[in-house]
Amino acid sequence: MDPDALDKAFMALADPVRRGIVARLARGEATVNELAEPFAITKQAVSKHIQVLEHAGLVTRSRDAQRRPVHLDAAALEELTAWIDQYRLIAERRYRLLDELLIESGPGVPQGSQQKEEEELK
């Protein structure tokens, strides 16, 4: 995912209303009216939130006779997940290495460290 698209997606998801809309759309398509129901904001405000999500590539709209349902774009979410996962894997690897190092160093606290802590507490 290119950096601009990534920025747009994370900025769009920074708002709790938009995250709520994404959570609702994860269960299936919905109209603006249906998406507006749980929020104490106007339908126009919900429409603006949808536009932000649409601009970020997270949702799409289609025409279905008289309805214009909004759909979650699963591919965009997969790209965000892949971006996050690469850093999660790096962090997990580093923690595993730290765990191994601590196991190799053996049990207990180095003598100087324990005495220093006791002196600092006094």
PDB file of N, CA and C in Angstrom:
ATOM      1  N   MET A   1       0.867  -1.174   0.000  1.00  0.00           N
ATOM      2  CA  MET A   1       0.000   0.000   0.000  1.00  0.00           C
ATOM      3  C   MET A   1       0.908   1.229   0.000  1.00  0.00           C
ATOM      4  N   ASP A   2       0.627   2.160  -0.903  1.00  0.00           N
ATOM      5  CA  ASP A   2       1.486   3.341  -0.981  1.00  0.00           C
ATOM      6  C   ASP A   2       1.264   4.248   0.234  1.00  0.00           C
ATOM      7  N   PRO A   3       2.274   5.041   0.591  1.00  0.00           N
ATOM      8  CA  PRO A   3       2.192   5.859   1.813  1.00  0.00           C
ATOM      9  C   PRO A   3       0.995   6.810   1.863  1.00  0.00           C
ATOM     10  N   ASP A   4       0.614   7.418   0.736  1.00  0.00           N
ATOM     11  CA  ASP A   4      -0.540   8.326   0.744  1.00  0.00           C
ATOM     12  C   ASP A   4      -1.832   7.583   1.063  1.00  0.00           C
ATOM     13  N   ALA A   5      -2.003   6.420   0.455  1.00  0.00           N
ATOM     14  CA  ALA A   5      -3.202   5.621   0.714  1.00  0.00           C
ATOM     15  C   ALA A   5      -3.237   5.159   2.164  1.00  0.00           C
ATOM     16  N   LEU A   6      -2.076   4.802   2.674  1.00  0.00           N
ATOM     17  CA  LEU A   6      -1.975   4.378   4.067  1.00  0.00           C
ATOM     18  C   LEU A   6      -2.352   5.521   5.006  1.00  0.00           C
ATOM     19  N   ASP A   7      -1.840   6.718   4.730  1.00  0.00           N
ATOM     20  CA  ASP A   7      -2.182   7.895   5.538  1.00  0.00           C
ATOM     21  C   ASP A   7      -3.677   8.165   5.512  1.00  0.00           C
ATOM     22  N   LYS A   8      -4.278   8.121   4.326  1.00  0.00           N
ATOM     23  CA  LYS A   8      -5.719   8.384   4.196  1.00  0.00           C
ATOM     24  C   LYS A   8      -6.529   7.358   4.986  1.00  0.00           C
ATOM     25  N   ALA A   9      -6.124   6.090   4.886  1.00  0.00           N
ATOM     26  CA  ALA A   9      -6.866   5.034   5.576  1.00  0.00           C
ATOM     27  C   ALA A   9      -6.784   5.206   7.090  1.00  0.00           C
ATOM     28  N   PHE A  10      -5.583   5.449   7.610  1.00  0.00           N
ATOM     29  CA  PHE A  10      -5.452   5.604   9.060  1.00  0.00           C
ATOM     30  C   PHE A  10      -6.130   6.877   9.556  1.00  0.00           C
ATOM     31  N   MET A  11      -6.072   7.948   8.769  1.00  0.00           N
ATOM     32  CA  MET A  11      -6.777   9.175   9.173  1.00  0.00           C
ATOM     33  C   MET A  11      -8.285   8.941   9.188  1.00  0.00           C
ATOM     34  N   ALA A  12      -8.776   8.194   8.204  1.00  0.00           N
ATOM     35  CA  ALA A  12     -10.207   7.895   8.164  1.00  0.00           C
ATOM     36  C   ALA A  12     -10.618   7.063   9.378  1.00  0.00           C
ATOM     37  N   LEU A  13      -9.775   6.126   9.762  1.00  0.00           N
ATOM     38  CA  LEU A  13     -10.100   5.246  10.889  1.00  0.00           C
ATOM     39  C   LEU A  13      -9.823   5.878  12.249  1.00  0.00           C
ATOM     40  N   ALA A  14      -9.268   7.075  12.263  1.00  0.00           N
ATOM     41  CA  ALA A  14      -8.984   7.759  13.530  1.00  0.00           C
ATOM     42  C   ALA A  14     -10.252   8.258  14.208  1.00  0.00           C
ATOM     43  N   ASP A  15     -11.336   8.361  13.468  1.00  0.00           N
ATOM     44  CA  ASP A  15     -12.590   8.881  14.016  1.00  0.00           C
ATOM     45  C   ASP A  15     -13.463   7.727  14.514  1.00  0.00           C
ATOM     46  N   PRO A  16     -14.007   7.817  15.740  1.00  0.00           N
ATOM     47  CA  PRO A  16     -14.818   6.724  16.283  1.00  0.00           C
ATOM     48  C   PRO A  16     -16.104   6.456  15.501  1.00  0.00           C
ATOM     49  N   VAL A  17     -16.708   7.486  14.921  1.00  0.00           N
ATOM     50  CA  VAL A  17     -17.926   7.267  14.125  1.00  0.00           C
ATOM     51  C   VAL A  17     -17.579   6.449  12.888  1.00  0.00           C
ATOM     52  N   ARG A  18     -16.484   6.792  12.234  1.00  0.00           N
ATOM     53  CA  ARG A  18     -16.089   6.046  11.034  1.00  0.00           C
ATOM     54  C   ARG A  18     -15.706   4.608  11.376  1.00  0.00           C
ATOM     55  N   ARG A  19     -15.062   4.417  12.529  1.00  0.00           N
ATOM     56  CA  ARG A  19     -14.764   3.041  12.944  1.00  0.00           C
ATOM     57  C   ARG A  19     -16.057   2.276  13.206  1.00  0.00           C
ATOM     58  N   GLY A  20     -17.056   2.953  13.765  1.00  0.00           N
ATOM     59  CA  GLY A  20     -18.358   2.324  13.983  1.00  0.00           C
ATOM     60  C   GLY A  20     -19.027   1.951  12.674  1.00  0.00           C
ATOM     61  N   ILE A  21     -18.900   2.816  11.683  1.00  0.00           N
ATOM     62  CA  ILE A  21     -19.466   2.529  10.359  1.00  0.00           C
ATOM     63  C   ILE A  21     -18.769   1.313   9.757  1.00  0.00           C
ATOM     64  N   VAL A  22     -17.447   1.263   9.862  1.00  0.00           N
ATOM     65  CA  VAL A  22     -16.690   0.116   9.341  1.00  0.00           C
ATOM     66  C   VAL A  22     -17.118  -1.159  10.061  1.00  0.00           C
ATOM     67  N   ALA A  23     -17.282  -1.088  11.379  1.00  0.00           N
ATOM     68  CA  ALA A  23     -17.710  -2.260  12.148  1.00  0.00           C
ATOM     69  C   ALA A  23     -19.087  -2.731  11.692  1.00  0.00           C
ATOM     70  N   ARG A  24     -19.990  -1.797  11.456  1.00  0.00           N
ATOM     71  CA  ARG A  24     -21.335  -2.160  10.983  1.00  0.00           C
ATOM     72  C   ARG A  24     -21.266  -2.778   9.599  1.00  0.00           C
ATOM     73  N   LEU A  25     -20.461  -2.193   8.705  1.00  0.00           N
ATOM     74  CA  LEU A  25     -20.358  -2.703   7.336  1.00  0.00           C
ATOM     75  C   LEU A  25     -19.670  -4.067   7.272  1.00  0.00           C
ATOM     76  N   ALA A  26     -18.925  -4.413   8.301  1.00  0.00           N
ATOM     77  CA  ALA A  26     -18.301  -5.741   8.347  1.00  0.00           C
ATOM     78  C   ALA A  26     -19.368  -6.832   8.401  1.00  0.00           C
ATOM     79  N   ARG A  27     -20.556  -6.485   8.880  1.00  0.00           N
ATOM     80  CA  ARG A  27     -21.671  -7.445   8.945  1.00  0.00           C
ATOM     81  C   ARG A  27     -22.443  -7.504   7.634  1.00  0.00           C
ATOM     82  N   GLY A  28     -22.207  -6.538   6.737  1.00  0.00           N
ATOM     83  CA  GLY A  28     -22.910  -6.528   5.453  1.00  0.00           C
ATOM     84  C   GLY A  28     -23.217  -5.113   5.007  1.00  0.00           C
ATOM     85  N   GLU A  29     -23.607  -4.976   3.760  1.00  0.00           N
ATOM     86  CA  GLU A  29     -23.906  -3.658   3.189  1.00  0.00           C
ATOM     87  C   GLU A  29     -25.027  -2.963   3.954  1.00  0.00           C
ATOM     88  N   ALA A  30     -25.058  -1.643   3.842  1.00  0.00           N
ATOM     89  CA  ALA A  30     -26.098  -0.858   4.519  1.00  0.00           C
ATOM     90  C   ALA A  30     -26.256   0.473   3.800  1.00  0.00           C
ATOM     91  N   THR A  31     -27.432   1.057   3.935  1.00  0.00           N
ATOM     92  CA  THR A  31     -27.688   2.380   3.372  1.00  0.00           C
ATOM     93  C   THR A  31     -27.252   3.444   4.380  1.00  0.00           C
ATOM     94  N   VAL A  32     -27.226   4.687   3.931  1.00  0.00           N
ATOM     95  CA  VAL A  32     -26.879   5.795   4.827  1.00  0.00           C
ATOM     96  C   VAL A  32     -27.856   5.837   5.996  1.00  0.00           C
ATOM     97  N   ASN A  33     -29.150   5.662   5.719  1.00  0.00           N
ATOM     98  CA  ASN A  33     -30.157   5.667   6.794  1.00  0.00           C
ATOM     99  C   ASN A  33     -29.858   4.585   7.834  1.00  0.00           C
ATOM    100  N   GLU A  34     -29.536   3.387   7.358  1.00  0.00           N
ATOM    101  CA  GLU A  34     -29.236   2.289   8.278  1.00  0.00           C
ATOM    102  C   GLU A  34     -27.957   2.572   9.074  1.00  0.00           C
ATOM    103  N   LEU A  35     -26.983   3.169   8.417  1.00  0.00           N
ATOM    104  CA  LEU A  35     -25.723   3.480   9.093  1.00  0.00           C
ATOM    105  C   LEU A  35     -25.882   4.609  10.104  1.00  0.00           C
ATOM    106  N   ALA A  36     -26.834   5.501   9.864  1.00  0.00           N
ATOM    107  CA  ALA A  36     -27.038   6.656  10.748  1.00  0.00           C
ATOM    108  C   ALA A  36     -27.765   6.287  12.041  1.00  0.00           C
ATOM    109  N   GLU A  37     -28.530   5.183  12.033  1.00  0.00           N
ATOM    110  CA  GLU A  37     -29.372   4.822  13.183  1.00  0.00           C
ATOM    111  C   GLU A  37     -28.663   4.833  14.539  1.00  0.00           C
ATOM    112  N   PRO A  38     -27.508   4.185  14.693  1.00  0.00           N
ATOM    113  CA  PRO A  38     -26.925   4.127  16.044  1.00  0.00           C
ATOM    114  C   PRO A  38     -26.220   5.403  16.509  1.00  0.00           C
ATOM    115  N   PHE A  39     -26.090   6.376  15.624  1.00  0.00           N
ATOM    116  CA  PHE A  39     -25.338   7.585  15.972  1.00  0.00           C
ATOM    117  C   PHE A  39     -26.266   8.769  16.218  1.00  0.00           C
ATOM    118  N   ALA A  40     -25.883   9.615  17.132  1.00  0.00           N
ATOM    119  CA  ALA A  40     -26.667  10.815  17.451  1.00  0.00           C
ATOM    120  C   ALA A  40     -26.183  11.978  16.589  1.00  0.00           C
ATOM    121  N   ILE A  41     -26.108  11.720  15.284  1.00  0.00           N
ATOM    122  CA  ILE A  41     -25.700  12.760  14.331  1.00  0.00           C
ATOM    123  C   ILE A  41     -26.641  12.704  13.133  1.00  0.00           C
ATOM    124  N   THR A  42     -26.617  13.735  12.317  1.00  0.00           N
ATOM    125  CA  THR A  42     -27.520  13.798  11.169  1.00  0.00           C
ATOM    126  C   THR A  42     -27.082  12.829  10.070  1.00  0.00           C
ATOM    127  N   LYS A  43     -28.020  12.545   9.181  1.00  0.00           N
ATOM    128  CA  LYS A  43     -27.698  11.699   8.025  1.00  0.00           C
ATOM    129  C   LYS A  43     -26.654  12.374   7.142  1.00  0.00           C
ATOM    130  N   GLN A  44     -26.711  13.701   7.084  1.00  0.00           N
ATOM    131  CA  GLN A  44     -25.719  14.440   6.298  1.00  0.00           C
ATOM    132  C   GLN A  44     -24.321  14.237   6.877  1.00  0.00           C
ATOM    133  N   ALA A  45     -24.219  14.237   8.198  1.00  0.00           N
ATOM    134  CA  ALA A  45     -22.919  14.009   8.842  1.00  0.00           C
ATOM    135  C   ALA A  45     -22.422  12.594   8.553  1.00  0.00           C
ATOM    136  N   VAL A  46     -23.331  11.624   8.596  1.00  0.00           N
ATOM    137  CA  VAL A  46     -22.957  10.244   8.277  1.00  0.00           C
ATOM    138  C   VAL A  46     -22.502  10.162   6.825  1.00  0.00           C
ATOM    139  N   SER A  47     -23.197  10.856   5.930  1.00  0.00           N
ATOM    140  CA  SER A  47     -22.795  10.879   4.517  1.00  0.00           C
ATOM    141  C   SER A  47     -21.381  11.426   4.356  1.00  0.00           C
ATOM    142  N   LYS A  48     -21.051  12.456   5.118  1.00  0.00           N
ATOM    143  CA  LYS A  48     -19.695  13.018   5.046  1.00  0.00           C
ATOM    144  C   LYS A  48     -18.665  12.015   5.564  1.00  0.00           C
ATOM    145  N   HIS A  49     -19.007  11.306   6.624  1.00  0.00           N
ATOM    146  CA  HIS A  49     -18.103  10.273   7.137  1.00  0.00           C
ATOM    147  C   HIS A  49     -17.896   9.182   6.081  1.00  0.00           C
ATOM    148  N   ILE A  50     -18.967   8.812   5.402  1.00  0.00           N
ATOM    149  CA  ILE A  50     -18.864   7.796   4.350  1.00  0.00           C
ATOM    150  C   ILE A  50     -17.975   8.300   3.216  1.00  0.00           C
ATOM    151  N   GLN A  51     -18.100   9.575   2.871  1.00  0.00           N
ATOM    152  CA  GLN A  51     -17.245  10.149   1.826  1.00  0.00           C
ATOM    153  C   GLN A  51     -15.770  10.060   2.208  1.00  0.00           C
ATOM    154  N   VAL A  52     -15.467  10.312   3.469  1.00  0.00           N
ATOM    155  CA  VAL A  52     -14.073  10.204   3.932  1.00  0.00           C
ATOM    156  C   VAL A  52     -13.589   8.760   3.793  1.00  0.00           C
ATOM    157  N   LEU A  53     -14.425   7.811   4.209  1.00  0.00           N
ATOM    158  CA  LEU A  53     -14.072   6.394   4.087  1.00  0.00           C
ATOM    159  C   LEU A  53     -13.926   5.984   2.623  1.00  0.00           C
ATOM    160  N   GLU A  54     -14.793   6.532   1.787  1.00  0.00           N
ATOM    161  CA  GLU A  54     -14.744   6.249   0.349  1.00  0.00           C
ATOM    162  C   GLU A  54     -13.458   6.819  -0.262  1.00  0.00           C
ATOM    163  N   HIS A  55     -13.129   8.045   0.099  1.00  0.00           N
ATOM    164  CA  HIS A  55     -11.911   8.698  -0.396  1.00  0.00           C
ATOM    165  C   HIS A  55     -10.659   7.923   0.039  1.00  0.00           C
ATOM    166  N   ALA A  56     -10.724   7.301   1.201  1.00  0.00           N
ATOM    167  CA  ALA A  56      -9.608   6.500   1.709  1.00  0.00           C
ATOM    168  C   ALA A  56      -9.578   5.109   1.087  1.00  0.00           C
ATOM    169  N   GLY A  57     -10.595   4.775   0.295  1.00  0.00           N
ATOM    170  CA  GLY A  57     -10.638   3.478  -0.363  1.00  0.00           C
ATOM    171  C   GLY A  57     -11.123   2.346   0.516  1.00  0.00           C
ATOM    172  N   LEU A  58     -11.735   2.675   1.640  1.00  0.00           N
ATOM    173  CA  LEU A  58     -12.180   1.645   2.576  1.00  0.00           C
ATOM    174  C   LEU A  58     -13.597   1.157   2.305  1.00  0.00           C
ATOM    175  N   VAL A  59     -14.411   1.992   1.650  1.00  0.00           N
ATOM    176  CA  VAL A  59     -15.784   1.599   1.314  1.00  0.00           C
ATOM    177  C   VAL A  59     -16.096   2.000  -0.120  1.00  0.00           C
ATOM    178  N   THR A  60     -17.113   1.356  -0.669  1.00  0.00           N
ATOM    179  CA  THR A  60     -17.621   1.710  -1.998  1.00  0.00           C
ATOM    180  C   THR A  60     -19.137   1.796  -1.912  1.00  0.00           C
ATOM    181  N   ARG A  61     -19.730   2.457  -2.904  1.00  0.00           N
ATOM    182  CA  ARG A  61     -21.195   2.528  -2.997  1.00  0.00           C
ATOM    183  C   ARG A  61     -21.614   1.936  -4.328  1.00  0.00           C
ATOM    184  N   SER A  62     -22.801   1.364  -4.319  1.00  0.00           N
ATOM    185  CA  SER A  62     -23.361   0.834  -5.567  1.00  0.00           C
ATOM    186  C   SER A  62     -24.805   1.299  -5.686  1.00  0.00           C
ATOM    187  N   ARG A  63     -25.383   1.077  -6.843  1.00  0.00           N
ATOM    188  CA  ARG A  63     -26.801   1.400  -7.051  1.00  0.00           C
ATOM    189  C   ARG A  63     -27.586   0.106  -7.124  1.00  0.00           C
ATOM    190  N   ASP A  64     -28.644   0.071  -6.350  1.00  0.00           N
ATOM    191  CA  ASP A  64     -29.508  -1.106  -6.312  1.00  0.00           C
ATOM    192  C   ASP A  64     -30.942  -0.591  -6.369  1.00  0.00           C
ATOM    193  N   ALA A  65     -31.447  -0.399  -7.582  1.00  0.00           N
ATOM    194  CA  ALA A  65     -32.777   0.195  -7.798  1.00  0.00           C
ATOM    195  C   ALA A  65     -32.839   1.566  -7.130  1.00  0.00           C
ATOM    196  N   GLN A  66     -33.609   1.707  -6.066  1.00  0.00           N
ATOM    197  CA  GLN A  66     -33.756   2.985  -5.370  1.00  0.00           C
ATOM    198  C   GLN A  66     -32.720   3.180  -4.267  1.00  0.00           C
ATOM    199  N   ARG A  67     -31.984   2.152  -3.962  1.00  0.00           N
ATOM    200  CA  ARG A  67     -31.022   2.204  -2.849  1.00  0.00           C
ATOM    201  C   ARG A  67     -29.612   2.464  -3.357  1.00  0.00           C
ATOM    202  N   ARG A  68     -28.788   3.028  -2.475  1.00  0.00           N
ATOM    203  CA  ARG A  68     -27.347   3.175  -2.752  1.00  0.00           C
ATOM    204  C   ARG A  68     -26.587   2.576  -1.574  1.00  0.00           C
ATOM    205  N   PRO A  69     -26.521   1.252  -1.516  1.00  0.00           N
ATOM    206  CA  PRO A  69     -25.850   0.628  -0.373  1.00  0.00           C
ATOM    207  C   PRO A  69     -24.349   0.912  -0.352  1.00  0.00           C
ATOM    208  N   VAL A  70     -23.819   0.939   0.851  1.00  0.00           N
ATOM    209  CA  VAL A  70     -22.389   1.140   1.077  1.00  0.00           C
ATOM    210  C   VAL A  70     -21.800  -0.229   1.417  1.00  0.00           C
ATOM    211  N   HIS A  71     -20.630  -0.511   0.851  1.00  0.00           N
ATOM    212  CA  HIS A  71     -19.969  -1.801   1.054  1.00  0.00           C
ATOM    213  C   HIS A  71     -18.568  -1.577   1.609  1.00  0.00           C
ATOM    214  N   LEU A  72     -18.150  -2.454   2.484  1.00  0.00           N
ATOM    215  CA  LEU A  72     -16.785  -2.429   2.998  1.00  0.00           C
ATOM    216  C   LEU A  72     -15.866  -3.065   1.960  1.00  0.00           C
ATOM    217  N   ASP A  73     -14.724  -2.465   1.706  1.00  0.00           N
ATOM    218  CA  ASP A  73     -13.757  -3.013   0.755  1.00  0.00           C
ATOM    219  C   ASP A  73     -12.766  -3.882   1.525  1.00  0.00           C
ATOM    220  N   ALA A  74     -12.990  -5.182   1.475  1.00  0.00           N
ATOM    221  CA  ALA A  74     -12.160  -6.120   2.236  1.00  0.00           C
ATOM    222  C   ALA A  74     -10.703  -6.080   1.783  1.00  0.00           C
ATOM    223  N   ALA A  75     -10.469  -5.846   0.507  1.00  0.00           N
ATOM    224  CA  ALA A  75      -9.091  -5.811  -0.004  1.00  0.00           C
ATOM    225  C   ALA A  75      -8.292  -4.681   0.642  1.00  0.00           C
ATOM    226  N   ALA A  76      -8.926  -3.531   0.830  1.00  0.00           N
ATOM    227  CA  ALA A  76      -8.238  -2.399   1.471  1.00  0.00           C
ATOM    228  C   ALA A  76      -7.885  -2.740   2.914  1.00  0.00           C
ATOM    229  N   LEU A  77      -8.794  -3.407   3.611  1.00  0.00           N
ATOM    230  CA  LEU A  77      -8.513  -3.799   4.994  1.00  0.00           C
ATOM    231  C   LEU A  77      -7.396  -4.838   5.049  1.00  0.00           C
ATOM    232  N   GLU A  78      -7.350  -5.723   4.060  1.00  0.00           N
ATOM    233  CA  GLU A  78      -6.273  -6.715   4.002  1.00  0.00           C
ATOM    234  C   GLU A  78      -4.917  -6.031   3.820  1.00  0.00           C
ATOM    235  N   GLU A  79      -4.883  -4.970   3.017  1.00  0.00           N
ATOM    236  CA  GLU A  79      -3.630  -4.230   2.825  1.00  0.00           C
ATOM    237  C   GLU A  79      -3.182  -3.565   4.122  1.00  0.00           C
ATOM    238  N   LEU A  80      -4.134  -2.983   4.863  1.00  0.00           N
ATOM    239  CA  LEU A  80      -3.798  -2.381   6.165  1.00  0.00           C
ATOM    240  C   LEU A  80      -3.288  -3.445   7.133  1.00  0.00           C
ATOM    241  N   THR A  81      -3.955  -4.578   7.145  1.00  0.00           N
ATOM    242  CA  THR A  81      -3.554  -5.673   8.023  1.00  0.00           C
ATOM    243  C   THR A  81      -2.151  -6.156   7.678  1.00  0.00           C
ATOM    244  N   ALA A  82      -1.850  -6.274   6.395  1.00  0.00           N
ATOM    245  CA  ALA A  82      -0.515  -6.710   5.971  1.00  0.00           C
ATOM    246  C   ALA A  82       0.547  -5.714   6.419  1.00  0.00           C
ATOM    247  N   TRP A  83       0.236  -4.426   6.318  1.00  0.00           N
ATOM    248  CA  TRP A  83       1.193  -3.399   6.730  1.00  0.00           C
ATOM    249  C   TRP A  83       1.453  -3.494   8.234  1.00  0.00           C
ATOM    250  N   ILE A  84       0.392  -3.648   9.016  1.00  0.00           N
ATOM    251  CA  ILE A  84       0.533  -3.765  10.470  1.00  0.00           C
ATOM    252  C   ILE A  84       1.268  -5.056  10.835  1.00  0.00           C
ATOM    253  N   ASP A  85       0.924  -6.152  10.155  1.00  0.00           N
ATOM    254  CA  ASP A  85       1.527  -7.448  10.467  1.00  0.00           C
ATOM    255  C   ASP A  85       3.039  -7.457  10.292  1.00  0.00           C
ATOM    256  N   GLN A  86       3.546  -6.746   9.287  1.00  0.00           N
ATOM    257  CA  GLN A  86       4.995  -6.766   9.095  1.00  0.00           C
ATOM    258  C   GLN A  86       5.723  -6.204  10.319  1.00  0.00           C
ATOM    259  N   TYR A  87       5.152  -5.197  10.950  1.00  0.00           N
ATOM    260  CA  TYR A  87       5.773  -4.622  12.144  1.00  0.00           C
ATOM    261  C   TYR A  87       5.486  -5.446  13.391  1.00  0.00           C
ATOM    262  N   ARG A  88       4.328  -6.074  13.427  1.00  0.00           N
ATOM    263  CA  ARG A  88       4.010  -6.966  14.543  1.00  0.00           C
ATOM    264  C   ARG A  88       4.991  -8.129  14.564  1.00  0.00           C
ATOM    265  N   LEU A  89       5.285  -8.685  13.393  1.00  0.00           N
ATOM    266  CA  LEU A  89       6.215  -9.810  13.314  1.00  0.00           C
ATOM    267  C   LEU A  89       7.622  -9.409  13.760  1.00  0.00           C
ATOM    268  N   ILE A  90       8.053  -8.225  13.379  1.00  0.00           N
ATOM    269  CA  ILE A  90       9.367  -7.730  13.806  1.00  0.00           C
ATOM    270  C   ILE A  90       9.406  -7.597  15.328  1.00  0.00           C
ATOM    271  N   ALA A  91       8.353  -7.004  15.897  1.00  0.00           N
ATOM    272  CA  ALA A  91       8.302  -6.828  17.352  1.00  0.00           C
ATOM    273  C   ALA A  91       8.283  -8.179  18.067  1.00  0.00           C
ATOM    274  N   GLU A  92       7.505  -9.126  17.559  1.00  0.00           N
ATOM    275  CA  GLU A  92       7.446 -10.454  18.179  1.00  0.00           C
ATOM    276  C   GLU A  92       8.809 -11.134  18.135  1.00  0.00           C
ATOM    277  N   ARG A  93       9.501 -11.002  17.014  1.00  0.00           N
ATOM    278  CA  ARG A  93      10.827 -11.596  16.865  1.00  0.00           C
ATOM    279  C   ARG A  93      11.789 -11.015  17.912  1.00  0.00           C
ATOM    280  N   ARG A  94      11.722  -9.708  18.089  1.00  0.00           N
ATOM    281  CA  ARG A  94      12.611  -9.061  19.066  1.00  0.00           C
ATOM    282  C   ARG A  94      12.288  -9.518  20.489  1.00  0.00           C
ATOM    283  N   TYR A  95      11.001  -9.669  20.812  1.00  0.00           N
ATOM    284  CA  TYR A  95      10.631 -10.140  22.148  1.00  0.00           C
ATOM    285  C   TYR A  95      11.079 -11.584  22.361  1.00  0.00           C
ATOM    286  N   ARG A  96      10.973 -12.413  21.319  1.00  0.00           N
ATOM    287  CA  ARG A  96      11.445 -13.801  21.443  1.00  0.00           C
ATOM    288  C   ARG A  96      12.948 -13.833  21.715  1.00  0.00           C
ATOM    289  N   LEU A  97      13.692 -12.993  20.993  1.00  0.00           N
ATOM    290  CA  LEU A  97      15.140 -12.928  21.220  1.00  0.00           C
ATOM    291  C   LEU A  97      15.454 -12.466  22.643  1.00  0.00           C
ATOM    292  N   LEU A  98      14.717 -11.494  23.134  1.00  0.00           N
ATOM    293  CA  LEU A  98      14.906 -11.021  24.501  1.00  0.00           C
ATOM    294  C   LEU A  98      14.592 -12.130  25.501  1.00  0.00           C
ATOM    295  N   ASP A  99      13.485 -12.857  25.266  1.00  0.00           N
ATOM    296  CA  ASP A  99      13.135 -13.977  26.144  1.00  0.00           C
ATOM    297  C   ASP A  99      14.258 -15.009  26.175  1.00  0.00           C
ATOM    298  N   GLU A 100      14.797 -15.341  25.000  1.00  0.00           N
ATOM    299  CA  GLU A 100      15.883 -16.321  24.927  1.00  0.00           C
ATOM    300  C   GLU A 100      17.112 -15.826  25.687  1.00  0.00           C
ATOM    301  N   LEU A 101      17.426 -14.566  25.539  1.00  0.00           N
ATOM    302  CA  LEU A 101      18.573 -13.987  26.228  1.00  0.00           C
ATOM    303  C   LEU A 101      18.382 -14.045  27.744  1.00  0.00           C
ATOM    304  N   LEU A 102      17.180 -13.737  28.203  1.00  0.00           N
ATOM    305  CA  LEU A 102      16.900 -13.784  29.640  1.00  0.00           C
ATOM    306  C   LEU A 102      16.977 -15.206  30.178  1.00  0.00           C
ATOM    307  N   ILE A 103      16.511 -16.172  29.399  1.00  0.00           N
ATOM    308  CA  ILE A 103      16.579 -17.578  29.821  1.00  0.00           C
ATOM    309  C   ILE A 103      18.033 -18.026  29.897  1.00  0.00           C
ATOM    310  N   GLU A 104      18.823 -17.646  28.895  1.00  0.00           N
ATOM    311  CA  GLU A 104      20.240 -18.020  28.869  1.00  0.00           C
ATOM    312  C   GLU A 104      21.015 -17.399  30.024  1.00  0.00           C
ATOM    313  N   SER A 105      20.627 -16.208  30.438  1.00  0.00           N
ATOM    314  CA  SER A 105      21.368 -15.531  31.505  1.00  0.00           C
ATOM    315  C   SER A 105      21.089 -16.149  32.875  1.00  0.00           C
ATOM    316  N   GLY A 106      20.097 -17.005  32.949  1.00  0.00           N
ATOM    317  CA  GLY A 106      19.829 -17.724  34.188  1.00  0.00           C
ATOM    318  C   GLY A 106      18.889 -16.982  35.115  1.00  0.00           C
ATOM    319  N   PRO A 107      18.468 -17.670  36.188  1.00  0.00           N
ATOM    320  CA  PRO A 107      17.516 -17.075  37.128  1.00  0.00           C
ATOM    321  C   PRO A 107      18.178 -16.030  38.022  1.00  0.00           C
ATOM    322  N   GLY A 108      17.324 -15.230  38.618  1.00  0.00           N
ATOM    323  CA  GLY A 108      17.801 -14.267  39.601  1.00  0.00           C
ATOM    324  C   GLY A 108      18.133 -12.915  39.017  1.00  0.00           C
ATOM    325  N   VAL A 109      18.357 -12.006  39.937  1.00  0.00           N
ATOM    326  CA  VAL A 109      18.694 -10.630  39.588  1.00  0.00           C
ATOM    327  C   VAL A 109      20.166 -10.434  39.904  1.00  0.00           C
ATOM    328  N   PRO A 110      20.926  -9.769  39.053  1.00  0.00           N
ATOM    329  CA  PRO A 110      22.334  -9.522  39.375  1.00  0.00           C
ATOM    330  C   PRO A 110      22.455  -8.839  40.737  1.00  0.00           C
ATOM    331  N   GLN A 111      23.475  -9.229  41.506  1.00  0.00           N
ATOM    332  CA  GLN A 111      23.649  -8.735  42.872  1.00  0.00           C
ATOM    333  C   GLN A 111      23.638  -7.216  42.961  1.00  0.00           C
ATOM    334  N   GLY A 112      24.370  -6.548  42.130  1.00  0.00           N
ATOM    335  CA  GLY A 112      24.438  -5.093  42.179  1.00  0.00           C
ATOM    336  C   GLY A 112      23.089  -4.445  41.945  1.00  0.00           C
ATOM    337  N   SER A 113      22.282  -5.009  41.070  1.00  0.00           N
ATOM    338  CA  SER A 113      20.974  -4.428  40.747  1.00  0.00           C
ATOM    339  C   SER A 113      20.038  -4.484  41.935  1.00  0.00           C
ATOM    340  N   GLN A 114      20.015  -5.612  42.636  1.00  0.00           N
ATOM    341  CA  GLN A 114      19.114  -5.761  43.774  1.00  0.00           C
ATOM    342  C   GLN A 114      19.511  -4.808  44.897  1.00  0.00           C
ATOM    343  N   GLN A 115      20.801  -4.694  45.178  1.00  0.00           N
ATOM    344  CA  GLN A 115      21.256  -3.790  46.233  1.00  0.00           C
ATOM    345  C   GLN A 115      20.942  -2.346  45.877  1.00  0.00           C
ATOM    346  N   LYS A 116      21.130  -1.976  44.625  1.00  0.00           N
ATOM    347  CA  LYS A 116      20.854  -0.607  44.181  1.00  0.00           C
ATOM    348  C   LYS A 116      19.375  -0.281  44.345  1.00  0.00           C
ATOM    349  N   GLU A 117      18.493  -1.233  43.969  1.00  0.00           N
ATOM    350  CA  GLU A 117      17.050  -1.017  44.114  1.00  0.00           C
ATOM    351  C   GLU A 117      16.679  -0.813  45.577  1.00  0.00           C
ATOM    352  N   GLU A 118      17.265  -1.619  46.466  1.00  0.00           N
ATOM    353  CA  GLU A 118      16.959  -1.506  47.891  1.00  0.00           C
ATOM    354  C   GLU A 118      17.393  -0.149  48.434  1.00  0.00           C
ATOM    355  N   GLU A 119      18.552   0.330  47.990  1.00  0.00           N
ATOM    356  CA  GLU A 119      19.041   1.632  48.433  1.00  0.00           C
ATOM    357  C   GLU A 119      18.150   2.761  47.922  1.00  0.00           C
ATOM    358  N   GLU A 120      17.651   2.630  46.691  1.00  0.00           N
ATOM    359  CA  GLU A 120      16.794   3.669  46.114  1.00  0.00           C
ATOM    360  C   GLU A 120      15.455   3.746  46.832  1.00  0.00           C
ATOM    361  N   LEU A 121      14.975   2.626  47.356  1.00  0.00           N
ATOM    362  CA  LEU A 121      13.691   2.596  48.053  1.00  0.00           C
ATOM    363  C   LEU A 121      13.772   3.236  49.436  1.00  0.00           C
ATOM    364  N   LYS A 122      14.971   3.332  49.996  1.00  0.00           N
ATOM    365  CA  LYS A 122      15.133   3.889  51.348  1.00  0.00           C
ATOM    366  C   LYS A 122      14.977   5.370  51.362  1.00  0.00           C
TER     367      LYS A 122
END
